[in-house]
Amino acid sequence: QIHSTITSVLRSCPTATELFKSVAERGQWSHMFTQAFQLYNQGHIEQAFMIYLYLAEVGYEVAQSNVAYIIDQMPIDISNIYKKQQERYKKALIYWHRAAIQGFHYARIKLGDYYF
């Protein structure tokens, strides 16, 4: 809050935003990330995908990149969600782009791969 108000430090909206984002991402959603990660490691990729998809739509960069990765690699048959391969790549591109906007460098590389 110090960076968002005028209290003995220079006011910095970018710094305040980044710090608030960091705090928010450690809030109530963290148990969902843990659950999705455990499901993924246990081979329940479709269930993990759905949790990550929800979190990605909420705006979490980690979830956006995980959704893009799962769509990209397609280790499961999520054909009910993305029937055509072209549609699958379009969706992956959307999530890579969202993650890249939030500063995830690997996502920027993947964007370059898609455009190449």
PDB file of N, CA and C in Angstrom:
ATOM      1  N   GLN A   1       0.802  -1.185   0.000  1.00  0.00           N
ATOM      2  CA  GLN A   1       0.000   0.000   0.000  1.00  0.00           C
ATOM      3  C   GLN A   1       0.849   1.255   0.000  1.00  0.00           C
ATOM      4  N   ILE A   2       2.071   1.140   0.451  1.00  0.00           N
ATOM      5  CA  ILE A   2       2.937   2.315   0.521  1.00  0.00           C
ATOM      6  C   ILE A   2       3.125   2.932  -0.857  1.00  0.00           C
ATOM      7  N   HIS A   3       3.302   2.075  -1.884  1.00  0.00           N
ATOM      8  CA  HIS A   3       3.545   2.598  -3.225  1.00  0.00           C
ATOM      9  C   HIS A   3       2.280   3.126  -3.893  1.00  0.00           C
ATOM     10  N   SER A   4       1.110   2.787  -3.367  1.00  0.00           N
ATOM     11  CA  SER A   4      -0.126   3.271  -3.970  1.00  0.00           C
ATOM     12  C   SER A   4      -0.637   4.547  -3.317  1.00  0.00           C
ATOM     13  N   THR A   5      -0.084   4.888  -2.177  1.00  0.00           N
ATOM     14  CA  THR A   5      -0.459   6.132  -1.499  1.00  0.00           C
ATOM     15  C   THR A   5       0.795   6.981  -1.325  1.00  0.00           C
ATOM     16  N   ILE A   6       0.621   8.195  -0.928  1.00  0.00           N
ATOM     17  CA  ILE A   6       1.775   9.077  -0.740  1.00  0.00           C
ATOM     18  C   ILE A   6       2.200   8.991   0.718  1.00  0.00           C
ATOM     19  N   THR A   7       3.088   8.050   1.026  1.00  0.00           N
ATOM     20  CA  THR A   7       3.552   7.859   2.396  1.00  0.00           C
ATOM     21  C   THR A   7       5.055   7.631   2.379  1.00  0.00           C
ATOM     22  N   SER A   8       5.814   8.633   2.449  1.00  0.00           N
ATOM     23  CA  SER A   8       7.277   8.623   2.588  1.00  0.00           C
ATOM     24  C   SER A   8       8.059   7.927   1.471  1.00  0.00           C
ATOM     25  N   VAL A   9       7.404   7.493   0.410  1.00  0.00           N
ATOM     26  CA  VAL A   9       8.108   6.981  -0.770  1.00  0.00           C
ATOM     27  C   VAL A   9       7.465   7.602  -2.001  1.00  0.00           C
ATOM     28  N   LEU A  10       8.193   7.590  -3.091  1.00  0.00           N
ATOM     29  CA  LEU A  10       7.623   8.110  -4.324  1.00  0.00           C
ATOM     30  C   LEU A  10       6.458   7.231  -4.760  1.00  0.00           C
ATOM     31  N   ARG A  11       5.413   7.866  -5.176  1.00  0.00           N
ATOM     32  CA  ARG A  11       4.237   7.131  -5.644  1.00  0.00           C
ATOM     33  C   ARG A  11       4.577   6.460  -6.969  1.00  0.00           C
ATOM     34  N   SER A  12       4.313   5.171  -7.054  1.00  0.00           N
ATOM     35  CA  SER A  12       4.641   4.418  -8.262  1.00  0.00           C
ATOM     36  C   SER A  12       3.515   3.447  -8.583  1.00  0.00           C
ATOM     37  N   CYS A  13       2.717   3.793  -9.570  1.00  0.00           N
ATOM     38  CA  CYS A  13       1.606   2.914  -9.957  1.00  0.00           C
ATOM     39  C   CYS A  13       2.090   1.555 -10.461  1.00  0.00           C
ATOM     40  N   PRO A  14       3.124   1.496 -11.325  1.00  0.00           N
ATOM     41  CA  PRO A  14       3.588   0.175 -11.779  1.00  0.00           C
ATOM     42  C   PRO A  14       4.071  -0.709 -10.630  1.00  0.00           C
ATOM     43  N   THR A  15       4.811  -0.124  -9.690  1.00  0.00           N
ATOM     44  CA  THR A  15       5.297  -0.897  -8.545  1.00  0.00           C
ATOM     45  C   THR A  15       4.134  -1.344  -7.676  1.00  0.00           C
ATOM     46  N   ALA A  16       3.202  -0.447  -7.420  1.00  0.00           N
ATOM     47  CA  ALA A  16       2.039  -0.797  -6.603  1.00  0.00           C
ATOM     48  C   ALA A  16       1.221  -1.900  -7.265  1.00  0.00           C
ATOM     49  N   THR A  17       1.023  -1.794  -8.564  1.00  0.00           N
ATOM     50  CA  THR A  17       0.263  -2.811  -9.292  1.00  0.00           C
ATOM     51  C   THR A  17       0.935  -4.165  -9.204  1.00  0.00           C
ATOM     52  N   GLU A  18       2.234  -4.195  -9.423  1.00  0.00           N
ATOM     53  CA  GLU A  18       2.985  -5.451  -9.365  1.00  0.00           C
ATOM     54  C   GLU A  18       2.920  -6.067  -7.971  1.00  0.00           C
ATOM     55  N   LEU A  19       3.046  -5.246  -6.948  1.00  0.00           N
ATOM     56  CA  LEU A  19       2.995  -5.762  -5.580  1.00  0.00           C
ATOM     57  C   LEU A  19       1.591  -6.245  -5.204  1.00  0.00           C
ATOM     58  N   PHE A  20       0.560  -5.500  -5.602  1.00  0.00           N
ATOM     59  CA  PHE A  20      -0.809  -5.946  -5.337  1.00  0.00           C
ATOM     60  C   PHE A  20      -1.102  -7.256  -6.071  1.00  0.00           C
ATOM     61  N   LYS A  21      -0.608  -7.368  -7.312  1.00  0.00           N
ATOM     62  CA  LYS A  21      -0.786  -8.595  -8.095  1.00  0.00           C
ATOM     63  C   LYS A  21      -0.129  -9.773  -7.387  1.00  0.00           C
ATOM     64  N   SER A  22       1.064  -9.553  -6.876  1.00  0.00           N
ATOM     65  CA  SER A  22       1.793 -10.600  -6.170  1.00  0.00           C
ATOM     66  C   SER A  22       1.023 -11.080  -4.941  1.00  0.00           C
ATOM     67  N   VAL A  23       0.466 -10.147  -4.199  1.00  0.00           N
ATOM     68  CA  VAL A  23      -0.310 -10.508  -3.006  1.00  0.00           C
ATOM     69  C   VAL A  23      -1.589 -11.244  -3.410  1.00  0.00           C
ATOM     70  N   ALA A  24      -2.271 -10.747  -4.422  1.00  0.00           N
ATOM     71  CA  ALA A  24      -3.527 -11.370  -4.858  1.00  0.00           C
ATOM     72  C   ALA A  24      -3.310 -12.794  -5.340  1.00  0.00           C
ATOM     73  N   GLU A  25      -2.200 -13.039  -6.020  1.00  0.00           N
ATOM     74  CA  GLU A  25      -1.927 -14.377  -6.543  1.00  0.00           C
ATOM     75  C   GLU A  25      -1.578 -15.369  -5.448  1.00  0.00           C
ATOM     76  N   ARG A  26      -1.279 -14.890  -4.276  1.00  0.00           N
ATOM     77  CA  ARG A  26      -0.978 -15.785  -3.159  1.00  0.00           C
ATOM     78  C   ARG A  26      -2.203 -15.993  -2.265  1.00  0.00           C
ATOM     79  N   GLY A  27      -3.339 -15.525  -2.718  1.00  0.00           N
ATOM     80  CA  GLY A  27      -4.549 -15.589  -1.915  1.00  0.00           C
ATOM     81  C   GLY A  27      -5.275 -16.904  -2.035  1.00  0.00           C
ATOM     82  N   GLN A  28      -6.576 -16.814  -2.086  1.00  0.00           N
ATOM     83  CA  GLN A  28      -7.441 -17.982  -2.043  1.00  0.00           C
ATOM     84  C   GLN A  28      -7.278 -18.928  -3.226  1.00  0.00           C
ATOM     85  N   TRP A  29      -6.635 -18.492  -4.284  1.00  0.00           N
ATOM     86  CA  TRP A  29      -6.515 -19.324  -5.477  1.00  0.00           C
ATOM     87  C   TRP A  29      -5.385 -20.339  -5.379  1.00  0.00           C
ATOM     88  N   SER A  30      -4.480 -20.154  -4.444  1.00  0.00           N
ATOM     89  CA  SER A  30      -3.292 -21.008  -4.399  1.00  0.00           C
ATOM     90  C   SER A  30      -3.635 -22.483  -4.220  1.00  0.00           C
ATOM     91  N   HIS A  31      -4.692 -22.789  -3.474  1.00  0.00           N
ATOM     92  CA  HIS A  31      -5.060 -24.202  -3.304  1.00  0.00           C
ATOM     93  C   HIS A  31      -5.515 -24.828  -4.617  1.00  0.00           C
ATOM     94  N   MET A  32      -6.104 -24.011  -5.502  1.00  0.00           N
ATOM     95  CA  MET A  32      -6.525 -24.534  -6.810  1.00  0.00           C
ATOM     96  C   MET A  32      -5.313 -24.858  -7.679  1.00  0.00           C
ATOM     97  N   PHE A  33      -4.282 -24.015  -7.592  1.00  0.00           N
ATOM     98  CA  PHE A  33      -3.050 -24.304  -8.331  1.00  0.00           C
ATOM     99  C   PHE A  33      -2.425 -25.603  -7.843  1.00  0.00           C
ATOM    100  N   THR A  34      -2.396 -25.773  -6.533  1.00  0.00           N
ATOM    101  CA  THR A  34      -1.828 -26.990  -5.951  1.00  0.00           C
ATOM    102  C   THR A  34      -2.618 -28.216  -6.395  1.00  0.00           C
ATOM    103  N   GLN A  35      -3.924 -28.106  -6.362  1.00  0.00           N
ATOM    104  CA  GLN A  35      -4.777 -29.217  -6.773  1.00  0.00           C
ATOM    105  C   GLN A  35      -4.556 -29.558  -8.249  1.00  0.00           C
ATOM    106  N   ALA A  36      -4.510 -28.551  -9.101  1.00  0.00           N
ATOM    107  CA  ALA A  36      -4.299 -28.783 -10.528  1.00  0.00           C
ATOM    108  C   ALA A  36      -2.941 -29.420 -10.784  1.00  0.00           C
ATOM    109  N   PHE A  37      -1.931 -28.945 -10.094  1.00  0.00           N
ATOM    110  CA  PHE A  37      -0.583 -29.497 -10.257  1.00  0.00           C
ATOM    111  C   PHE A  37      -0.545 -30.967  -9.836  1.00  0.00           C
ATOM    112  N   GLN A  38      -1.181 -31.283  -8.711  1.00  0.00           N
ATOM    113  CA  GLN A  38      -1.218 -32.671  -8.244  1.00  0.00           C
ATOM    114  C   GLN A  38      -1.982 -33.559  -9.223  1.00  0.00           C
ATOM    115  N   LEU A  39      -3.099 -33.082  -9.722  1.00  0.00           N
ATOM    116  CA  LEU A  39      -3.864 -33.848 -10.708  1.00  0.00           C
ATOM    117  C   LEU A  39      -3.044 -34.099 -11.970  1.00  0.00           C
ATOM    118  N   TYR A  40      -2.343 -33.067 -12.422  1.00  0.00           N
ATOM    119  CA  TYR A  40      -1.513 -33.211 -13.622  1.00  0.00           C
ATOM    120  C   TYR A  40      -0.437 -34.274 -13.404  1.00  0.00           C
ATOM    121  N   ASN A  41       0.229 -34.223 -12.271  1.00  0.00           N
ATOM    122  CA  ASN A  41       1.291 -35.191 -11.970  1.00  0.00           C
ATOM    123  C   ASN A  41       0.760 -36.611 -11.802  1.00  0.00           C
ATOM    124  N   GLN A  42      -0.495 -36.744 -11.397  1.00  0.00           N
ATOM    125  CA  GLN A  42      -1.104 -38.062 -11.235  1.00  0.00           C
ATOM    126  C   GLN A  42      -1.682 -38.598 -12.541  1.00  0.00           C
ATOM    127  N   GLY A  43      -1.566 -37.800 -13.608  1.00  0.00           N
ATOM    128  CA  GLY A  43      -2.063 -38.237 -14.906  1.00  0.00           C
ATOM    129  C   GLY A  43      -3.497 -37.853 -15.200  1.00  0.00           C
ATOM    130  N   HIS A  44      -4.123 -37.106 -14.319  1.00  0.00           N
ATOM    131  CA  HIS A  44      -5.496 -36.638 -14.530  1.00  0.00           C
ATOM    132  C   HIS A  44      -5.435 -35.278 -15.229  1.00  0.00           C
ATOM    133  N   ILE A  45      -4.940 -35.308 -16.433  1.00  0.00           N
ATOM    134  CA  ILE A  45      -4.613 -34.066 -17.136  1.00  0.00           C
ATOM    135  C   ILE A  45      -5.862 -33.288 -17.527  1.00  0.00           C
ATOM    136  N   GLU A  46      -6.920 -33.991 -17.901  1.00  0.00           N
ATOM    137  CA  GLU A  46      -8.134 -33.280 -18.291  1.00  0.00           C
ATOM    138  C   GLU A  46      -8.726 -32.501 -17.114  1.00  0.00           C
ATOM    139  N   GLN A  47      -8.710 -33.093 -15.925  1.00  0.00           N
ATOM    140  CA  GLN A  47      -9.208 -32.392 -14.738  1.00  0.00           C
ATOM    141  C   GLN A  47      -8.308 -31.201 -14.400  1.00  0.00           C
ATOM    142  N   ALA A  48      -7.000 -31.411 -14.483  1.00  0.00           N
ATOM    143  CA  ALA A  48      -6.055 -30.320 -14.229  1.00  0.00           C
ATOM    144  C   ALA A  48      -6.262 -29.202 -15.245  1.00  0.00           C
ATOM    145  N   PHE A  49      -6.472 -29.594 -16.500  1.00  0.00           N
ATOM    146  CA  PHE A  49      -6.695 -28.620 -17.569  1.00  0.00           C
ATOM    147  C   PHE A  49      -7.890 -27.726 -17.255  1.00  0.00           C
ATOM    148  N   MET A  50      -8.979 -28.315 -16.780  1.00  0.00           N
ATOM    149  CA  MET A  50     -10.181 -27.527 -16.502  1.00  0.00           C
ATOM    150  C   MET A  50      -9.950 -26.531 -15.365  1.00  0.00           C
ATOM    151  N   ILE A  51      -9.189 -26.932 -14.361  1.00  0.00           N
ATOM    152  CA  ILE A  51      -8.873 -26.005 -13.261  1.00  0.00           C
ATOM    153  C   ILE A  51      -7.978 -24.883 -13.770  1.00  0.00           C
ATOM    154  N   TYR A  52      -6.942 -25.252 -14.529  1.00  0.00           N
ATOM    155  CA  TYR A  52      -6.052 -24.232 -15.093  1.00  0.00           C
ATOM    156  C   TYR A  52      -6.816 -23.295 -16.027  1.00  0.00           C
ATOM    157  N   LEU A  53      -7.753 -23.841 -16.794  1.00  0.00           N
ATOM    158  CA  LEU A  53      -8.541 -23.019 -17.707  1.00  0.00           C
ATOM    159  C   LEU A  53      -9.344 -21.974 -16.934  1.00  0.00           C
ATOM    160  N   TYR A  54      -9.941 -22.383 -15.834  1.00  0.00           N
ATOM    161  CA  TYR A  54     -10.683 -21.445 -14.988  1.00  0.00           C
ATOM    162  C   TYR A  54      -9.754 -20.350 -14.460  1.00  0.00           C
ATOM    163  N   LEU A  55      -8.607 -20.764 -13.930  1.00  0.00           N
ATOM    164  CA  LEU A  55      -7.656 -19.794 -13.375  1.00  0.00           C
ATOM    165  C   LEU A  55      -7.083 -18.885 -14.463  1.00  0.00           C
ATOM    166  N   ALA A  56      -6.914 -19.427 -15.660  1.00  0.00           N
ATOM    167  CA  ALA A  56      -6.417 -18.611 -16.776  1.00  0.00           C
ATOM    168  C   ALA A  56      -7.413 -17.516 -17.122  1.00  0.00           C
ATOM    169  N   GLU A  57      -8.690 -17.852 -17.091  1.00  0.00           N
ATOM    170  CA  GLU A  57      -9.712 -16.857 -17.393  1.00  0.00           C
ATOM    171  C   GLU A  57      -9.823 -15.809 -16.292  1.00  0.00           C
ATOM    172  N   VAL A  58      -9.443 -16.175 -15.074  1.00  0.00           N
ATOM    173  CA  VAL A  58      -9.403 -15.202 -13.982  1.00  0.00           C
ATOM    174  C   VAL A  58      -8.252 -14.225 -14.210  1.00  0.00           C
ATOM    175  N   GLY A  59      -7.201 -14.684 -14.924  1.00  0.00           N
ATOM    176  CA  GLY A  59      -6.108 -13.786 -15.278  1.00  0.00           C
ATOM    177  C   GLY A  59      -4.738 -14.183 -14.782  1.00  0.00           C
ATOM    178  N   TYR A  60      -4.587 -15.384 -14.263  1.00  0.00           N
ATOM    179  CA  TYR A  60      -3.288 -15.806 -13.736  1.00  0.00           C
ATOM    180  C   TYR A  60      -2.361 -16.254 -14.858  1.00  0.00           C
ATOM    181  N   GLU A  61      -1.207 -15.628 -14.919  1.00  0.00           N
ATOM    182  CA  GLU A  61      -0.230 -15.919 -15.978  1.00  0.00           C
ATOM    183  C   GLU A  61       0.221 -17.364 -15.954  1.00  0.00           C
ATOM    184  N   VAL A  62       0.475 -17.909 -14.781  1.00  0.00           N
ATOM    185  CA  VAL A  62       0.926 -19.300 -14.671  1.00  0.00           C
ATOM    186  C   VAL A  62      -0.122 -20.233 -15.267  1.00  0.00           C
ATOM    187  N   ALA A  63      -1.373 -19.995 -14.954  1.00  0.00           N
ATOM    188  CA  ALA A  63      -2.449 -20.825 -15.493  1.00  0.00           C
ATOM    189  C   ALA A  63      -2.588 -20.634 -17.000  1.00  0.00           C
ATOM    190  N   GLN A  64      -2.416 -19.407 -17.477  1.00  0.00           N
ATOM    191  CA  GLN A  64      -2.496 -19.156 -18.915  1.00  0.00           C
ATOM    192  C   GLN A  64      -1.426 -19.937 -19.664  1.00  0.00           C
ATOM    193  N   SER A  65      -0.217 -19.909 -19.146  1.00  0.00           N
ATOM    194  CA  SER A  65       0.858 -20.641 -19.817  1.00  0.00           C
ATOM    195  C   SER A  65       0.659 -22.149 -19.689  1.00  0.00           C
ATOM    196  N   ASN A  66       0.108 -22.621 -18.568  1.00  0.00           N
ATOM    197  CA  ASN A  66      -0.158 -24.052 -18.421  1.00  0.00           C
ATOM    198  C   ASN A  66      -1.253 -24.522 -19.377  1.00  0.00           C
ATOM    199  N   VAL A  67      -2.297 -23.734 -19.534  1.00  0.00           N
ATOM    200  CA  VAL A  67      -3.358 -24.065 -20.482  1.00  0.00           C
ATOM    201  C   VAL A  67      -2.790 -24.110 -21.898  1.00  0.00           C
ATOM    202  N   ALA A  68      -2.020 -23.107 -22.254  1.00  0.00           N
ATOM    203  CA  ALA A  68      -1.418 -23.074 -23.590  1.00  0.00           C
ATOM    204  C   ALA A  68      -0.517 -24.285 -23.808  1.00  0.00           C
ATOM    205  N   TYR A  69       0.259 -24.635 -22.808  1.00  0.00           N
ATOM    206  CA  TYR A  69       1.159 -25.786 -22.911  1.00  0.00           C
ATOM    207  C   TYR A  69       0.375 -27.084 -23.110  1.00  0.00           C
ATOM    208  N   ILE A  70      -0.675 -27.270 -22.313  1.00  0.00           N
ATOM    209  CA  ILE A  70      -1.465 -28.496 -22.430  1.00  0.00           C
ATOM    210  C   ILE A  70      -2.144 -28.568 -23.793  1.00  0.00           C
ATOM    211  N   ILE A  71      -2.695 -27.456 -24.253  1.00  0.00           N
ATOM    212  CA  ILE A  71      -3.317 -27.443 -25.581  1.00  0.00           C
ATOM    213  C   ILE A  71      -2.266 -27.726 -26.647  1.00  0.00           C
ATOM    214  N   ASP A  72      -1.117 -27.084 -26.511  1.00  0.00           N
ATOM    215  CA  ASP A  72      -0.017 -27.233 -27.467  1.00  0.00           C
ATOM    216  C   ASP A  72       0.465 -28.677 -27.558  1.00  0.00           C
ATOM    217  N   GLN A  73       0.675 -29.290 -26.421  1.00  0.00           N
ATOM    218  CA  GLN A  73       1.208 -30.654 -26.375  1.00  0.00           C
ATOM    219  C   GLN A  73       0.121 -31.700 -26.617  1.00  0.00           C
ATOM    220  N   MET A  74      -1.111 -31.361 -26.280  1.00  0.00           N
ATOM    221  CA  MET A  74      -2.272 -32.230 -26.447  1.00  0.00           C
ATOM    222  C   MET A  74      -2.029 -33.656 -25.954  1.00  0.00           C
ATOM    223  N   PRO A  75      -1.598 -33.808 -24.684  1.00  0.00           N
ATOM    224  CA  PRO A  75      -1.373 -35.157 -24.174  1.00  0.00           C
ATOM    225  C   PRO A  75      -2.670 -35.904 -23.882  1.00  0.00           C
ATOM    226  N   ILE A  76      -3.774 -35.199 -23.945  1.00  0.00           N
ATOM    227  CA  ILE A  76      -5.066 -35.831 -23.686  1.00  0.00           C
ATOM    228  C   ILE A  76      -5.991 -35.550 -24.850  1.00  0.00           C
ATOM    229  N   ASP A  77      -7.054 -36.278 -24.904  1.00  0.00           N
ATOM    230  CA  ASP A  77      -8.045 -36.059 -25.944  1.00  0.00           C
ATOM    231  C   ASP A  77      -9.057 -35.042 -25.439  1.00  0.00           C
ATOM    232  N   ILE A  78      -8.798 -33.798 -25.733  1.00  0.00           N
ATOM    233  CA  ILE A  78      -9.759 -32.758 -25.356  1.00  0.00           C
ATOM    234  C   ILE A  78     -10.519 -32.313 -26.603  1.00  0.00           C
ATOM    235  N   SER A  79     -10.761 -33.308 -27.478  1.00  0.00           N
ATOM    236  CA  SER A  79     -11.425 -33.003 -28.738  1.00  0.00           C
ATOM    237  C   SER A  79     -12.848 -32.496 -28.534  1.00  0.00           C
ATOM    238  N   ASN A  80     -13.446 -32.806 -27.385  1.00  0.00           N
ATOM    239  CA  ASN A  80     -14.778 -32.264 -27.121  1.00  0.00           C
ATOM    240  C   ASN A  80     -14.729 -30.756 -26.927  1.00  0.00           C
ATOM    241  N   ILE A  81     -13.583 -30.260 -26.494  1.00  0.00           N
ATOM    242  CA  ILE A  81     -13.427 -28.829 -26.269  1.00  0.00           C
ATOM    243  C   ILE A  81     -12.969 -28.131 -27.548  1.00  0.00           C
ATOM    244  N   TYR A  82     -11.967 -28.708 -28.191  1.00  0.00           N
ATOM    245  CA  TYR A  82     -11.417 -28.124 -29.416  1.00  0.00           C
ATOM    246  C   TYR A  82     -11.480 -29.175 -30.515  1.00  0.00           C
ATOM    247  N   LYS A  83     -12.519 -29.129 -31.322  1.00  0.00           N
ATOM    248  CA  LYS A  83     -12.770 -30.179 -32.299  1.00  0.00           C
ATOM    249  C   LYS A  83     -11.768 -30.179 -33.448  1.00  0.00           C
ATOM    250  N   LYS A  84     -11.387 -29.023 -33.916  1.00  0.00           N
ATOM    251  CA  LYS A  84     -10.471 -28.946 -35.054  1.00  0.00           C
ATOM    252  C   LYS A  84      -9.079 -28.568 -34.571  1.00  0.00           C
ATOM    253  N   GLN A  85      -8.077 -29.119 -35.239  1.00  0.00           N
ATOM    254  CA  GLN A  85      -6.691 -28.830 -34.860  1.00  0.00           C
ATOM    255  C   GLN A  85      -6.391 -27.342 -35.003  1.00  0.00           C
ATOM    256  N   GLN A  86      -6.923 -26.716 -36.043  1.00  0.00           N
ATOM    257  CA  GLN A  86      -6.691 -25.285 -36.264  1.00  0.00           C
ATOM    258  C   GLN A  86      -7.262 -24.462 -35.103  1.00  0.00           C
ATOM    259  N   GLU A  87      -8.430 -24.869 -34.623  1.00  0.00           N
ATOM    260  CA  GLU A  87      -9.049 -24.182 -33.483  1.00  0.00           C
ATOM    261  C   GLU A  87      -8.189 -24.353 -32.233  1.00  0.00           C
ATOM    262  N   ARG A  88      -7.627 -25.529 -32.075  1.00  0.00           N
ATOM    263  CA  ARG A  88      -6.756 -25.813 -30.934  1.00  0.00           C
ATOM    264  C   ARG A  88      -5.569 -24.854 -30.914  1.00  0.00           C
ATOM    265  N   TYR A  89      -4.930 -24.679 -32.072  1.00  0.00           N
ATOM    266  CA  TYR A  89      -3.772 -23.791 -32.141  1.00  0.00           C
ATOM    267  C   TYR A  89      -4.157 -22.331 -31.914  1.00  0.00           C
ATOM    268  N   LYS A  90      -5.331 -21.946 -32.382  1.00  0.00           N
ATOM    269  CA  LYS A  90      -5.795 -20.578 -32.139  1.00  0.00           C
ATOM    270  C   LYS A  90      -5.976 -20.325 -30.646  1.00  0.00           C
ATOM    271  N   LYS A  91      -6.547 -21.306 -29.951  1.00  0.00           N
ATOM    272  CA  LYS A  91      -6.737 -21.161 -28.501  1.00  0.00           C
ATOM    273  C   LYS A  91      -5.401 -21.121 -27.775  1.00  0.00           C
ATOM    274  N   ALA A  92      -4.480 -21.992 -28.158  1.00  0.00           N
ATOM    275  CA  ALA A  92      -3.156 -21.985 -27.529  1.00  0.00           C
ATOM    276  C   ALA A  92      -2.486 -20.629 -27.739  1.00  0.00           C
ATOM    277  N   LEU A  93      -2.601 -20.098 -28.949  1.00  0.00           N
ATOM    278  CA  LEU A  93      -2.012 -18.794 -29.255  1.00  0.00           C
ATOM    279  C   LEU A  93      -2.597 -17.703 -28.362  1.00  0.00           C
ATOM    280  N   ILE A  94      -3.889 -17.751 -28.129  1.00  0.00           N
ATOM    281  CA  ILE A  94      -4.529 -16.761 -27.256  1.00  0.00           C
ATOM    282  C   ILE A  94      -3.922 -16.805 -25.861  1.00  0.00           C
ATOM    283  N   TYR A  95      -3.755 -18.003 -25.314  1.00  0.00           N
ATOM    284  CA  TYR A  95      -3.226 -18.114 -23.947  1.00  0.00           C
ATOM    285  C   TYR A  95      -1.737 -17.805 -23.884  1.00  0.00           C
ATOM    286  N   TRP A  96      -0.970 -18.189 -24.919  1.00  0.00           N
ATOM    287  CA  TRP A  96       0.447 -17.795 -24.942  1.00  0.00           C
ATOM    288  C   TRP A  96       0.547 -16.272 -24.981  1.00  0.00           C
ATOM    289  N   HIS A  97      -0.321 -15.643 -25.776  1.00  0.00           N
ATOM    290  CA  HIS A  97      -0.305 -14.181 -25.891  1.00  0.00           C
ATOM    291  C   HIS A  97      -0.640 -13.518 -24.556  1.00  0.00           C
ATOM    292  N   ARG A  98      -1.645 -14.021 -23.873  1.00  0.00           N
ATOM    293  CA  ARG A  98      -2.016 -13.454 -22.570  1.00  0.00           C
ATOM    294  C   ARG A  98      -0.875 -13.588 -21.564  1.00  0.00           C
ATOM    295  N   ALA A  99      -0.217 -14.743 -21.569  1.00  0.00           N
ATOM    296  CA  ALA A  99       0.912 -14.950 -20.651  1.00  0.00           C
ATOM    297  C   ALA A  99       2.077 -14.036 -21.019  1.00  0.00           C
ATOM    298  N   ALA A 100       2.295 -13.837 -22.319  1.00  0.00           N
ATOM    299  CA  ALA A 100       3.387 -12.970 -22.772  1.00  0.00           C
ATOM    300  C   ALA A 100       3.148 -11.523 -22.353  1.00  0.00           C
ATOM    301  N   ILE A 101       1.914 -11.079 -22.443  1.00  0.00           N
ATOM    302  CA  ILE A 101       1.576  -9.710 -22.043  1.00  0.00           C
ATOM    303  C   ILE A 101       1.918  -9.480 -20.575  1.00  0.00           C
ATOM    304  N   GLN A 102       1.790 -10.531 -19.770  1.00  0.00           N
ATOM    305  CA  GLN A 102       2.085 -10.408 -18.344  1.00  0.00           C
ATOM    306  C   GLN A 102       3.569 -10.587 -18.040  1.00  0.00           C
ATOM    307  N   GLY A 103       4.383 -10.753 -19.076  1.00  0.00           N
ATOM    308  CA  GLY A 103       5.828 -10.757 -18.871  1.00  0.00           C
ATOM    309  C   GLY A 103       6.502 -12.112 -18.854  1.00  0.00           C
ATOM    310  N   PHE A 104       5.795 -13.181 -19.210  1.00  0.00           N
ATOM    311  CA  PHE A 104       6.404 -14.507 -19.231  1.00  0.00           C
ATOM    312  C   PHE A 104       7.202 -14.655 -20.526  1.00  0.00           C
ATOM    313  N   HIS A 105       8.528 -14.689 -20.399  1.00  0.00           N
ATOM    314  CA  HIS A 105       9.412 -14.655 -21.567  1.00  0.00           C
ATOM    315  C   HIS A 105       9.271 -15.881 -22.460  1.00  0.00           C
ATOM    316  N   TYR A 106       9.097 -17.055 -21.878  1.00  0.00           N
ATOM    317  CA  TYR A 106       8.929 -18.265 -22.685  1.00  0.00           C
ATOM    318  C   TYR A 106       7.695 -18.145 -23.579  1.00  0.00           C
ATOM    319  N   ALA A 107       6.648 -17.500 -23.071  1.00  0.00           N
ATOM    320  CA  ALA A 107       5.435 -17.302 -23.863  1.00  0.00           C
ATOM    321  C   ALA A 107       5.724 -16.418 -25.075  1.00  0.00           C
ATOM    322  N   ARG A 108       6.602 -15.463 -24.915  1.00  0.00           N
ATOM    323  CA  ARG A 108       6.983 -14.618 -26.058  1.00  0.00           C
ATOM    324  C   ARG A 108       7.706 -15.429 -27.123  1.00  0.00           C
ATOM    325  N   ILE A 109       8.531 -16.356 -26.689  1.00  0.00           N
ATOM    326  CA  ILE A 109       9.221 -17.240 -27.637  1.00  0.00           C
ATOM    327  C   ILE A 109       8.200 -18.103 -28.374  1.00  0.00           C
ATOM    328  N   LYS A 110       7.227 -18.635 -27.633  1.00  0.00           N
ATOM    329  CA  LYS A 110       6.187 -19.456 -28.258  1.00  0.00           C
ATOM    330  C   LYS A 110       5.376 -18.640 -29.257  1.00  0.00           C
ATOM    331  N   LEU A 111       5.118 -17.376 -28.959  1.00  0.00           N
ATOM    332  CA  LEU A 111       4.418 -16.516 -29.918  1.00  0.00           C
ATOM    333  C   LEU A 111       5.207 -16.411 -31.210  1.00  0.00           C
ATOM    334  N   GLY A 112       6.523 -16.234 -31.076  1.00  0.00           N
ATOM    335  CA  GLY A 112       7.378 -16.187 -32.262  1.00  0.00           C
ATOM    336  C   GLY A 112       7.311 -17.477 -33.048  1.00  0.00           C
ATOM    337  N   ASP A 113       7.298 -18.602 -32.347  1.00  0.00           N
ATOM    338  CA  ASP A 113       7.175 -19.905 -33.015  1.00  0.00           C
ATOM    339  C   ASP A 113       5.866 -20.001 -33.790  1.00  0.00           C
ATOM    340  N   TYR A 114       4.797 -19.534 -33.186  1.00  0.00           N
ATOM    341  CA  TYR A 114       3.495 -19.608 -33.848  1.00  0.00           C
ATOM    342  C   TYR A 114       3.451 -18.728 -35.096  1.00  0.00           C
ATOM    343  N   TYR A 115       4.043 -17.554 -35.014  1.00  0.00           N
ATOM    344  CA  TYR A 115       4.007 -16.661 -36.164  1.00  0.00           C
ATOM    345  C   TYR A 115       4.986 -17.073 -37.251  1.00  0.00           C
ATOM    346  N   PHE A 116       5.987 -17.860 -36.876  1.00  0.00           N
ATOM    347  CA  PHE A 116       6.966 -18.335 -37.856  1.00  0.00           C
ATOM    348  C   PHE A 116       6.342 -19.457 -38.648  1.00  0.00           C
TER     349      PHE A 116
END
